[in-house]
Amino acid sequence: MSTTSTDRAASGLRPTARRRRKGIVAILVAIVLAAAGMVAWNWWTHPKAFGGLGDGYEPDPRPLADSALSTTVVFPKIKGSPETVTIRGLDATFSENTAKAGATFWICHMTEGEAPILAVFDPESTCADIEKVTTPMRFEHGVRPDSDYLFVTITPTRSGVAKLESVDIDYSRSKRHLYQRGTETIAAARVVTVR
């Protein structure tokens, strides 16, 4: 039996089962690679070197002259390996700020026998060596007591309430962490009330 040219043309237009399978496999591989790429990108741009505070603090109302509250944002590690990161930016988010408070960031270089501040009105009484953060700045996130820690001072400018909700830290990590760079949000529920 002979095949006509019309039959050959018609059969050539239909994809074979093998080609269909290759197309489906190629699509599935592309989907898996895209998903892996999105997960990797999210990991790389959302570092988690620090972790949140997980607590809140609200002292009694104070007069304006004595209302500047300093509180730790990033504590020294309790265990693990020290790490040097480069802080590229810091931003305080207030959920309420009728006291028109500002936020200033500092690094305490700990010495033997010191403990990190939790929340104090006089940080110099707790940390002998304080340095104002100017970005970009290296931050030695070490293991206590040989470590630095990051704290913020909330400074109201008038009567009212300042509710610090969180602090965003934009930073980059070392080669050991594939130069990860991004922003980590630290929950920091601190309330200052000025009478």
N, C-alpha and C. Protein backbone atom coordinates (compact mmCIF):
# COMPACT_ATOMS: atom_id res chain seq x y z
N MET A 1 0.84 -1.16 0.00
CA MET A 1 0.00 0.00 0.00
C MET A 1 0.89 1.23 0.00
N SER A 2 0.58 2.17 -0.83
CA SER A 2 1.40 3.36 -0.93
C SER A 2 0.75 4.50 -0.17
N THR A 3 1.59 5.38 0.32
CA THR A 3 1.10 6.53 1.09
C THR A 3 1.12 7.74 0.18
N THR A 4 0.09 8.50 0.24
CA THR A 4 0.03 9.69 -0.61
C THR A 4 0.71 10.84 0.12
N SER A 5 1.07 11.88 -0.62
CA SER A 5 1.73 13.04 -0.03
C SER A 5 0.80 13.77 0.94
N THR A 6 -0.49 13.68 0.74
CA THR A 6 -1.45 14.31 1.64
C THR A 6 -1.43 13.63 3.00
N ASP A 7 -1.33 12.27 3.01
CA ASP A 7 -1.27 11.54 4.27
C ASP A 7 0.00 11.88 5.05
N ARG A 8 1.15 11.99 4.33
CA ARG A 8 2.42 12.32 4.99
C ARG A 8 2.37 13.72 5.60
N ALA A 9 1.82 14.66 4.91
CA ALA A 9 1.75 16.04 5.41
C ALA A 9 0.88 16.11 6.66
N ALA A 10 -0.22 15.38 6.65
CA ALA A 10 -1.11 15.39 7.81
C ALA A 10 -0.44 14.76 9.02
N SER A 11 0.28 13.64 8.79
CA SER A 11 0.93 12.99 9.93
C SER A 11 2.12 13.80 10.43
N GLY A 12 2.75 14.60 9.62
CA GLY A 12 3.87 15.44 10.04
C GLY A 12 3.43 16.62 10.89
N LEU A 13 2.22 17.05 10.78
CA LEU A 13 1.73 18.18 11.55
C LEU A 13 1.36 17.77 12.97
N ARG A 14 1.01 16.51 13.18
CA ARG A 14 0.64 16.05 14.52
C ARG A 14 1.90 15.82 15.35
N PRO A 15 1.93 16.39 16.61
CA PRO A 15 3.11 16.11 17.44
C PRO A 15 3.09 14.66 17.91
N THR A 16 4.24 14.11 18.01
CA THR A 16 4.33 12.73 18.50
C THR A 16 4.22 12.73 20.02
N ALA A 17 3.95 11.57 20.58
CA ALA A 17 3.84 11.43 22.03
C ALA A 17 5.16 11.79 22.70
N ARG A 18 6.26 11.45 22.02
CA ARG A 18 7.58 11.74 22.58
C ARG A 18 7.80 13.25 22.67
N ARG A 19 7.43 13.97 21.65
CA ARG A 19 7.60 15.44 21.67
C ARG A 19 6.71 16.07 22.73
N ARG A 20 5.51 15.54 22.88
CA ARG A 20 4.61 16.06 23.91
C ARG A 20 5.20 15.86 25.29
N ARG A 21 5.74 14.68 25.53
CA ARG A 21 6.36 14.40 26.83
C ARG A 21 7.54 15.33 27.08
N LYS A 22 8.38 15.55 26.08
CA LYS A 22 9.53 16.44 26.23
C LYS A 22 9.07 17.86 26.54
N GLY A 23 8.00 18.28 25.89
CA GLY A 23 7.45 19.62 26.15
C GLY A 23 6.93 19.76 27.57
N ILE A 24 6.23 18.73 28.04
CA ILE A 24 5.69 18.75 29.41
C ILE A 24 6.83 18.74 30.41
N VAL A 25 7.84 17.91 30.18
CA VAL A 25 9.00 17.85 31.08
C VAL A 25 9.71 19.21 31.10
N ALA A 26 9.88 19.82 29.94
CA ALA A 26 10.54 21.13 29.87
C ALA A 26 9.76 22.17 30.66
N ILE A 27 8.44 22.15 30.56
CA ILE A 27 7.61 23.10 31.31
C ILE A 27 7.73 22.85 32.81
N LEU A 28 7.69 21.58 33.22
CA LEU A 28 7.82 21.26 34.65
C LEU A 28 9.18 21.68 35.19
N VAL A 29 10.23 21.43 34.42
CA VAL A 29 11.58 21.84 34.85
C VAL A 29 11.65 23.36 34.98
N ALA A 30 11.06 24.07 34.03
CA ALA A 30 11.05 25.54 34.09
C ALA A 30 10.30 26.03 35.33
N ILE A 31 9.19 25.39 35.67
CA ILE A 31 8.41 25.78 36.85
C ILE A 31 9.23 25.52 38.13
N VAL A 32 9.86 24.35 38.21
CA VAL A 32 10.68 24.02 39.38
C VAL A 32 11.84 24.99 39.52
N LEU A 33 12.51 25.31 38.42
CA LEU A 33 13.64 26.25 38.47
C LEU A 33 13.17 27.65 38.86
N ALA A 34 12.03 28.07 38.35
CA ALA A 34 11.50 29.39 38.71
C ALA A 34 11.15 29.44 40.20
N ALA A 35 10.51 28.38 40.71
CA ALA A 35 10.16 28.33 42.13
C ALA A 35 11.42 28.32 43.00
N ALA A 36 12.42 27.54 42.62
CA ALA A 36 13.68 27.50 43.37
C ALA A 36 14.36 28.86 43.33
N GLY A 37 14.30 29.52 42.20
CA GLY A 37 14.89 30.85 42.08
C GLY A 37 14.19 31.86 42.99
N MET A 38 12.86 31.78 43.07
CA MET A 38 12.12 32.69 43.94
C MET A 38 12.44 32.43 45.41
N VAL A 39 12.54 31.17 45.80
CA VAL A 39 12.89 30.82 47.18
C VAL A 39 14.30 31.32 47.50
N ALA A 40 15.24 31.09 46.58
CA ALA A 40 16.63 31.54 46.80
C ALA A 40 16.69 33.06 46.88
N TRP A 41 15.97 33.75 46.00
CA TRP A 41 15.97 35.21 46.03
C TRP A 41 15.38 35.72 47.34
N ASN A 42 14.30 35.14 47.80
CA ASN A 42 13.69 35.54 49.07
C ASN A 42 14.66 35.31 50.22
N TRP A 43 15.33 34.16 50.24
CA TRP A 43 16.32 33.87 51.29
C TRP A 43 17.44 34.89 51.24
N TRP A 44 17.93 35.20 50.06
CA TRP A 44 19.09 36.08 49.93
C TRP A 44 18.75 37.51 50.32
N THR A 45 17.51 37.96 50.08
CA THR A 45 17.15 39.34 50.38
C THR A 45 16.47 39.51 51.73
N HIS A 46 16.25 38.43 52.47
CA HIS A 46 15.63 38.51 53.79
C HIS A 46 16.48 37.75 54.82
N PRO A 47 17.65 38.30 55.15
CA PRO A 47 18.53 37.62 56.10
C PRO A 47 17.89 37.55 57.49
N LYS A 48 18.31 36.58 58.26
CA LYS A 48 17.77 36.39 59.61
C LYS A 48 18.91 36.17 60.60
N ALA A 49 19.84 37.10 60.67
CA ALA A 49 20.97 36.96 61.57
C ALA A 49 20.61 37.29 63.02
N PHE A 50 19.57 38.09 63.23
CA PHE A 50 19.35 38.64 64.56
C PHE A 50 18.16 38.06 65.31
N GLY A 51 16.99 38.00 64.74
CA GLY A 51 15.81 37.54 65.45
C GLY A 51 15.15 38.68 66.22
N GLY A 52 13.92 38.49 66.65
CA GLY A 52 13.16 39.56 67.30
C GLY A 52 13.37 39.62 68.79
N LEU A 53 12.91 40.73 69.38
CA LEU A 53 13.02 40.90 70.82
C LEU A 53 11.99 40.05 71.55
N GLY A 54 10.78 40.00 71.04
CA GLY A 54 9.76 39.14 71.60
C GLY A 54 9.17 39.59 72.92
N ASP A 55 9.38 40.84 73.30
CA ASP A 55 8.79 41.32 74.53
C ASP A 55 8.39 42.78 74.36
N GLY A 56 7.77 43.33 75.37
CA GLY A 56 7.37 44.73 75.32
C GLY A 56 7.80 45.44 76.59
N TYR A 57 7.81 46.78 76.53
CA TYR A 57 8.19 47.56 77.71
C TYR A 57 7.48 48.90 77.66
N GLU A 58 6.87 49.28 78.80
CA GLU A 58 6.19 50.57 78.89
C GLU A 58 6.39 51.12 80.29
N PRO A 59 7.34 52.05 80.46
CA PRO A 59 7.54 52.64 81.78
C PRO A 59 6.43 53.64 82.12
N ASP A 60 6.40 54.07 83.37
CA ASP A 60 5.44 55.09 83.79
C ASP A 60 5.69 56.38 83.03
N PRO A 61 4.65 57.22 82.87
CA PRO A 61 4.83 58.51 82.20
C PRO A 61 5.92 59.34 82.90
N ARG A 62 6.65 60.09 82.08
CA ARG A 62 7.79 60.87 82.60
C ARG A 62 7.73 62.29 82.05
N PRO A 63 8.44 63.22 82.72
CA PRO A 63 8.53 64.57 82.17
C PRO A 63 9.40 64.56 80.90
N LEU A 64 9.18 65.51 80.03
CA LEU A 64 9.89 65.56 78.75
C LEU A 64 11.40 65.52 78.92
N ALA A 65 11.93 66.26 79.87
CA ALA A 65 13.39 66.34 80.06
C ALA A 65 14.02 64.99 80.39
N ASP A 66 13.26 64.08 80.97
CA ASP A 66 13.80 62.77 81.37
C ASP A 66 13.13 61.61 80.63
N SER A 67 12.65 61.84 79.42
CA SER A 67 11.84 60.81 78.76
C SER A 67 12.57 60.00 77.69
N ALA A 68 13.80 60.33 77.34
CA ALA A 68 14.52 59.59 76.29
C ALA A 68 14.83 58.18 76.78
N LEU A 69 14.25 57.20 76.11
CA LEU A 69 14.39 55.79 76.51
C LEU A 69 15.32 55.08 75.53
N SER A 70 16.32 54.38 76.08
CA SER A 70 17.22 53.57 75.26
C SER A 70 16.89 52.11 75.47
N THR A 71 16.79 51.37 74.36
CA THR A 71 16.42 49.95 74.45
C THR A 71 17.18 49.15 73.40
N THR A 72 17.58 47.96 73.77
CA THR A 72 18.35 47.10 72.86
C THR A 72 17.47 46.60 71.73
N VAL A 73 18.03 46.62 70.53
CA VAL A 73 17.36 46.10 69.33
C VAL A 73 17.97 44.74 68.96
N VAL A 74 19.30 44.64 68.98
CA VAL A 74 19.99 43.39 68.68
C VAL A 74 20.91 43.04 69.84
N PHE A 75 20.58 41.95 70.52
CA PHE A 75 21.39 41.47 71.64
C PHE A 75 22.59 40.68 71.13
N PRO A 76 23.63 40.56 71.96
CA PRO A 76 24.72 39.65 71.60
C PRO A 76 24.21 38.22 71.56
N LYS A 77 24.91 37.38 70.82
CA LYS A 77 24.54 35.97 70.78
C LYS A 77 24.87 35.31 72.11
N ILE A 78 24.10 34.29 72.45
CA ILE A 78 24.40 33.51 73.65
C ILE A 78 25.31 32.35 73.30
N LYS A 79 25.16 31.83 72.09
CA LYS A 79 26.02 30.75 71.60
C LYS A 79 26.13 30.87 70.09
N GLY A 80 26.99 30.07 69.51
CA GLY A 80 27.18 30.11 68.07
C GLY A 80 28.47 30.81 67.71
N SER A 81 28.62 31.12 66.45
CA SER A 81 29.83 31.76 65.94
C SER A 81 29.63 33.26 65.79
N PRO A 82 30.66 34.04 66.11
CA PRO A 82 30.54 35.48 65.89
C PRO A 82 30.41 35.78 64.41
N GLU A 83 29.81 36.90 64.09
CA GLU A 83 29.63 37.29 62.70
C GLU A 83 29.75 38.80 62.58
N THR A 84 30.44 39.24 61.55
CA THR A 84 30.52 40.67 61.26
C THR A 84 29.58 40.97 60.11
N VAL A 85 28.67 41.92 60.32
CA VAL A 85 27.76 42.35 59.26
C VAL A 85 28.02 43.83 59.01
N THR A 86 27.60 44.29 57.85
CA THR A 86 27.68 45.71 57.54
C THR A 86 26.27 46.29 57.54
N ILE A 87 26.02 47.18 58.49
CA ILE A 87 24.71 47.83 58.57
C ILE A 87 24.67 48.92 57.50
N ARG A 88 23.67 48.85 56.64
CA ARG A 88 23.55 49.81 55.53
C ARG A 88 22.43 50.81 55.77
N GLY A 89 21.51 50.49 56.65
CA GLY A 89 20.42 51.41 56.94
C GLY A 89 19.60 50.94 58.12
N LEU A 90 19.01 51.89 58.84
CA LEU A 90 18.17 51.59 59.99
C LEU A 90 16.95 52.49 59.93
N ASP A 91 15.79 51.93 60.27
CA ASP A 91 14.56 52.71 60.23
C ASP A 91 13.65 52.25 61.35
N ALA A 92 13.20 53.20 62.17
CA ALA A 92 12.27 52.90 63.26
C ALA A 92 10.86 53.16 62.79
N THR A 93 9.95 52.22 63.10
CA THR A 93 8.54 52.37 62.75
C THR A 93 7.73 52.55 64.03
N PHE A 94 7.02 53.67 64.10
CA PHE A 94 6.16 53.95 65.25
C PHE A 94 4.71 53.70 64.84
N SER A 95 3.97 52.98 65.68
CA SER A 95 2.55 52.78 65.40
C SER A 95 1.73 53.98 65.88
N GLU A 96 2.30 54.73 66.82
CA GLU A 96 1.70 55.98 67.29
C GLU A 96 2.86 56.87 67.71
N ASN A 97 2.76 58.16 67.37
CA ASN A 97 3.86 59.05 67.72
C ASN A 97 3.36 60.48 67.93
N THR A 98 2.44 60.66 68.90
CA THR A 98 1.95 62.00 69.21
C THR A 98 3.00 62.80 69.97
N ALA A 99 4.04 62.12 70.49
CA ALA A 99 5.14 62.80 71.20
C ALA A 99 6.20 63.30 70.22
N LYS A 100 5.99 63.07 68.92
CA LYS A 100 6.95 63.49 67.88
C LYS A 100 8.37 63.05 68.22
N ALA A 101 8.50 61.76 68.59
CA ALA A 101 9.80 61.21 68.99
C ALA A 101 10.65 60.89 67.78
N GLY A 102 11.93 61.04 67.96
CA GLY A 102 12.90 60.61 66.97
C GLY A 102 13.60 59.36 67.47
N ALA A 103 14.30 58.69 66.57
CA ALA A 103 15.03 57.47 66.94
C ALA A 103 16.48 57.60 66.50
N THR A 104 17.39 57.40 67.44
CA THR A 104 18.82 57.45 67.16
C THR A 104 19.41 56.09 67.51
N PHE A 105 20.25 55.57 66.62
CA PHE A 105 20.80 54.22 66.81
C PHE A 105 22.25 54.30 67.27
N TRP A 106 22.58 53.37 68.16
CA TRP A 106 23.91 53.34 68.78
C TRP A 106 24.42 51.89 68.83
N ILE A 107 25.73 51.77 68.90
CA ILE A 107 26.35 50.47 69.14
C ILE A 107 27.11 50.55 70.46
N CYS A 108 26.86 49.57 71.31
CA CYS A 108 27.61 49.45 72.56
C CYS A 108 28.67 48.38 72.35
N HIS A 109 29.92 48.74 72.60
CA HIS A 109 31.02 47.76 72.55
C HIS A 109 31.17 47.23 73.97
N MET A 110 30.71 46.01 74.18
CA MET A 110 30.70 45.44 75.53
C MET A 110 32.11 45.18 76.05
N THR A 111 32.23 45.29 77.36
CA THR A 111 33.47 44.89 78.03
C THR A 111 33.12 43.84 79.07
N GLU A 112 34.12 43.17 79.55
CA GLU A 112 33.93 42.10 80.53
C GLU A 112 33.13 42.61 81.72
N GLY A 113 32.13 41.86 82.12
CA GLY A 113 31.32 42.20 83.28
C GLY A 113 30.09 43.03 82.95
N GLU A 114 29.99 43.54 81.71
CA GLU A 114 28.80 44.30 81.34
C GLU A 114 27.71 43.36 80.83
N ALA A 115 26.49 43.79 81.02
CA ALA A 115 25.34 43.08 80.45
C ALA A 115 24.62 44.07 79.54
N PRO A 116 23.99 43.59 78.47
CA PRO A 116 23.28 44.52 77.58
C PRO A 116 22.10 45.18 78.29
N ILE A 117 21.82 46.42 77.87
CA ILE A 117 20.68 47.12 78.45
C ILE A 117 19.41 46.47 77.94
N LEU A 118 18.38 46.52 78.71
CA LEU A 118 17.07 46.11 78.24
C LEU A 118 16.33 47.36 77.81
N ALA A 119 16.04 48.24 78.77
CA ALA A 119 15.46 49.54 78.49
C ALA A 119 15.84 50.43 79.66
N VAL A 120 16.59 51.51 79.37
CA VAL A 120 17.08 52.41 80.42
C VAL A 120 16.96 53.86 79.95
N PHE A 121 16.99 54.77 80.92
CA PHE A 121 16.95 56.19 80.58
C PHE A 121 18.36 56.79 80.59
N ASP A 122 19.36 56.01 81.00
CA ASP A 122 20.75 56.48 81.02
C ASP A 122 21.66 55.35 80.51
N PRO A 123 21.85 55.23 79.18
CA PRO A 123 22.64 54.11 78.66
C PRO A 123 24.10 54.13 79.08
N GLU A 124 24.64 55.32 79.39
CA GLU A 124 26.04 55.40 79.81
C GLU A 124 26.28 54.68 81.14
N SER A 125 25.22 54.51 81.94
CA SER A 125 25.38 53.80 83.21
C SER A 125 25.53 52.30 82.99
N THR A 126 25.16 51.83 81.82
CA THR A 126 25.21 50.39 81.52
C THR A 126 26.30 50.05 80.52
N CYS A 127 26.60 50.96 79.60
CA CYS A 127 27.60 50.70 78.57
C CYS A 127 28.63 51.82 78.58
N ALA A 128 29.89 51.44 78.81
CA ALA A 128 30.96 52.44 78.91
C ALA A 128 31.43 52.95 77.55
N ASP A 129 31.27 52.15 76.49
CA ASP A 129 31.80 52.52 75.17
C ASP A 129 30.67 52.52 74.14
N ILE A 130 30.11 53.70 73.87
CA ILE A 130 28.97 53.84 72.96
C ILE A 130 29.41 54.61 71.73
N GLU A 131 28.96 54.11 70.57
CA GLU A 131 29.29 54.75 69.29
C GLU A 131 28.01 54.94 68.48
N LYS A 132 27.79 56.16 67.98
CA LYS A 132 26.61 56.43 67.15
C LYS A 132 26.75 55.71 65.82
N VAL A 133 25.65 55.13 65.35
CA VAL A 133 25.67 54.41 64.08
C VAL A 133 25.66 55.42 62.93
N THR A 134 26.64 55.28 62.06
CA THR A 134 26.67 56.03 60.80
C THR A 134 26.82 54.98 59.70
N THR A 135 25.86 54.94 58.81
CA THR A 135 25.85 53.87 57.81
C THR A 135 26.63 54.29 56.57
N PRO A 136 27.29 53.33 55.92
CA PRO A 136 27.44 51.92 56.31
C PRO A 136 28.43 51.78 57.46
N MET A 137 28.19 50.79 58.29
CA MET A 137 29.01 50.58 59.49
C MET A 137 29.11 49.09 59.80
N ARG A 138 30.30 48.66 60.17
CA ARG A 138 30.50 47.26 60.55
C ARG A 138 29.97 47.03 61.96
N PHE A 139 29.34 45.88 62.13
CA PHE A 139 28.75 45.52 63.41
C PHE A 139 29.23 44.12 63.78
N GLU A 140 29.93 44.03 64.91
CA GLU A 140 30.46 42.76 65.38
C GLU A 140 29.40 42.05 66.22
N HIS A 141 28.66 41.15 65.59
CA HIS A 141 27.62 40.42 66.30
C HIS A 141 28.24 39.15 66.85
N GLY A 142 28.81 39.31 68.03
CA GLY A 142 29.56 38.21 68.62
C GLY A 142 28.81 37.50 69.71
N VAL A 143 29.54 36.65 70.40
CA VAL A 143 28.98 35.86 71.49
C VAL A 143 29.32 36.58 72.80
N ARG A 144 28.30 36.78 73.62
CA ARG A 144 28.47 37.47 74.88
C ARG A 144 29.53 36.82 75.74
N PRO A 145 30.42 37.52 76.42
CA PRO A 145 30.45 38.97 76.60
C PRO A 145 31.33 39.69 75.57
N ASP A 146 31.94 38.98 74.65
CA ASP A 146 32.83 39.59 73.67
C ASP A 146 32.02 39.96 72.43
N SER A 147 31.25 41.03 72.53
CA SER A 147 30.34 41.35 71.45
C SER A 147 29.95 42.82 71.49
N ASP A 148 29.38 43.26 70.40
CA ASP A 148 28.70 44.55 70.35
C ASP A 148 27.20 44.27 70.41
N TYR A 149 26.43 45.28 70.74
CA TYR A 149 24.99 45.16 70.56
C TYR A 149 24.45 46.49 70.08
N LEU A 150 23.32 46.44 69.43
CA LEU A 150 22.70 47.61 68.83
C LEU A 150 21.52 48.05 69.69
N PHE A 151 21.46 49.35 69.99
CA PHE A 151 20.29 49.85 70.70
C PHE A 151 19.81 51.14 70.07
N VAL A 152 18.57 51.49 70.38
CA VAL A 152 17.95 52.70 69.85
C VAL A 152 17.52 53.58 71.02
N THR A 153 17.68 54.89 70.84
CA THR A 153 17.18 55.84 71.83
C THR A 153 15.97 56.54 71.23
N ILE A 154 14.85 56.43 71.91
CA ILE A 154 13.59 57.07 71.51
C ILE A 154 13.53 58.40 72.26
N THR A 155 13.56 59.50 71.52
CA THR A 155 13.61 60.83 72.14
C THR A 155 12.37 61.64 71.78
N PRO A 156 11.40 61.72 72.69
CA PRO A 156 10.21 62.55 72.44
C PRO A 156 10.59 64.04 72.43
N THR A 157 9.82 64.83 71.68
CA THR A 157 10.06 66.27 71.62
C THR A 157 8.92 67.08 72.22
N ARG A 158 7.84 66.40 72.65
CA ARG A 158 6.72 67.09 73.28
C ARG A 158 5.89 66.07 74.05
N SER A 159 4.90 66.54 74.78
CA SER A 159 4.00 65.63 75.51
C SER A 159 3.24 64.76 74.52
N GLY A 160 2.99 63.53 74.94
CA GLY A 160 2.27 62.59 74.09
C GLY A 160 2.80 61.18 74.28
N VAL A 161 2.52 60.34 73.30
CA VAL A 161 2.91 58.93 73.36
C VAL A 161 3.72 58.58 72.12
N ALA A 162 4.78 57.81 72.32
CA ALA A 162 5.58 57.28 71.22
C ALA A 162 5.60 55.76 71.37
N LYS A 163 4.98 55.07 70.41
CA LYS A 163 4.95 53.60 70.44
C LYS A 163 5.83 53.06 69.33
N LEU A 164 7.02 52.62 69.70
CA LEU A 164 7.93 52.00 68.73
C LEU A 164 7.41 50.59 68.46
N GLU A 165 7.16 50.29 67.20
CA GLU A 165 6.62 48.98 66.83
C GLU A 165 7.71 48.03 66.36
N SER A 166 8.62 48.56 65.51
CA SER A 166 9.66 47.69 64.96
C SER A 166 10.81 48.53 64.44
N VAL A 167 11.91 47.84 64.17
CA VAL A 167 13.09 48.45 63.58
C VAL A 167 13.48 47.61 62.37
N ASP A 168 13.66 48.28 61.23
CA ASP A 168 14.15 47.62 60.02
C ASP A 168 15.65 47.83 59.93
N ILE A 169 16.38 46.72 59.79
CA ILE A 169 17.83 46.79 59.65
C ILE A 169 18.19 46.27 58.26
N ASP A 170 18.74 47.15 57.44
CA ASP A 170 19.23 46.76 56.12
C ASP A 170 20.72 46.46 56.29
N TYR A 171 21.13 45.23 55.98
CA TYR A 171 22.53 44.86 56.20
C TYR A 171 22.99 43.80 55.21
N SER A 172 24.28 43.65 55.15
CA SER A 172 24.85 42.59 54.32
C SER A 172 25.73 41.70 55.19
N ARG A 173 25.79 40.44 54.79
CA ARG A 173 26.54 39.43 55.55
C ARG A 173 27.83 39.08 54.81
N SER A 174 28.59 38.22 55.39
CA SER A 174 29.92 37.87 54.86
C SER A 174 29.84 36.78 53.79
N LYS A 175 31.01 36.46 53.30
CA LYS A 175 31.16 35.40 52.29
C LYS A 175 30.56 34.08 52.80
N ARG A 176 30.74 33.81 54.09
CA ARG A 176 30.22 32.57 54.69
C ARG A 176 28.72 32.44 54.49
N HIS A 177 28.03 33.58 54.34
CA HIS A 177 26.58 33.59 54.12
C HIS A 177 26.25 34.06 52.70
N LEU A 178 27.19 33.83 51.79
CA LEU A 178 27.01 34.14 50.36
C LEU A 178 26.68 35.60 50.11
N TYR A 179 27.25 36.49 50.94
CA TYR A 179 27.06 37.94 50.81
C TYR A 179 25.57 38.33 50.81
N GLN A 180 24.80 37.60 51.56
CA GLN A 180 23.37 37.87 51.70
C GLN A 180 23.17 39.34 52.05
N ARG A 181 22.22 39.99 51.40
CA ARG A 181 21.93 41.40 51.70
C ARG A 181 20.44 41.65 51.61
N GLY A 182 19.92 42.29 52.64
CA GLY A 182 18.50 42.59 52.65
C GLY A 182 18.11 43.27 53.94
N THR A 183 16.83 43.25 54.22
CA THR A 183 16.30 43.93 55.40
C THR A 183 15.63 42.94 56.33
N GLU A 184 15.98 43.03 57.60
CA GLU A 184 15.34 42.22 58.63
C GLU A 184 14.55 43.15 59.54
N THR A 185 13.32 42.78 59.84
CA THR A 185 12.48 43.59 60.72
C THR A 185 12.50 42.98 62.11
N ILE A 186 12.88 43.80 63.09
CA ILE A 186 12.95 43.36 64.49
C ILE A 186 11.76 43.95 65.23
N ALA A 187 10.93 43.11 65.80
CA ALA A 187 9.80 43.59 66.60
C ALA A 187 10.35 44.23 67.87
N ALA A 188 9.87 45.43 68.18
CA ALA A 188 10.39 46.15 69.35
C ALA A 188 9.26 46.95 69.98
N ALA A 189 8.42 46.30 70.75
CA ALA A 189 7.26 46.96 71.35
C ALA A 189 7.69 47.78 72.56
N ARG A 190 7.94 49.06 72.33
CA ARG A 190 8.37 49.97 73.41
C ARG A 190 7.47 51.19 73.38
N VAL A 191 6.99 51.60 74.54
CA VAL A 191 6.08 52.74 74.62
C VAL A 191 6.66 53.76 75.60
N VAL A 192 6.75 55.01 75.12
CA VAL A 192 7.20 56.11 75.97
C VAL A 192 6.05 57.12 76.06
N THR A 193 5.66 57.45 77.28
CA THR A 193 4.61 58.43 77.48
C THR A 193 5.19 59.65 78.20
N VAL A 194 4.98 60.81 77.60
CA VAL A 194 5.49 62.07 78.19
C VAL A 194 4.30 62.84 78.72
N ARG A 195 4.40 63.19 80.00
CA ARG A 195 3.26 63.92 80.62
C ARG A 195 3.39 65.42 80.45
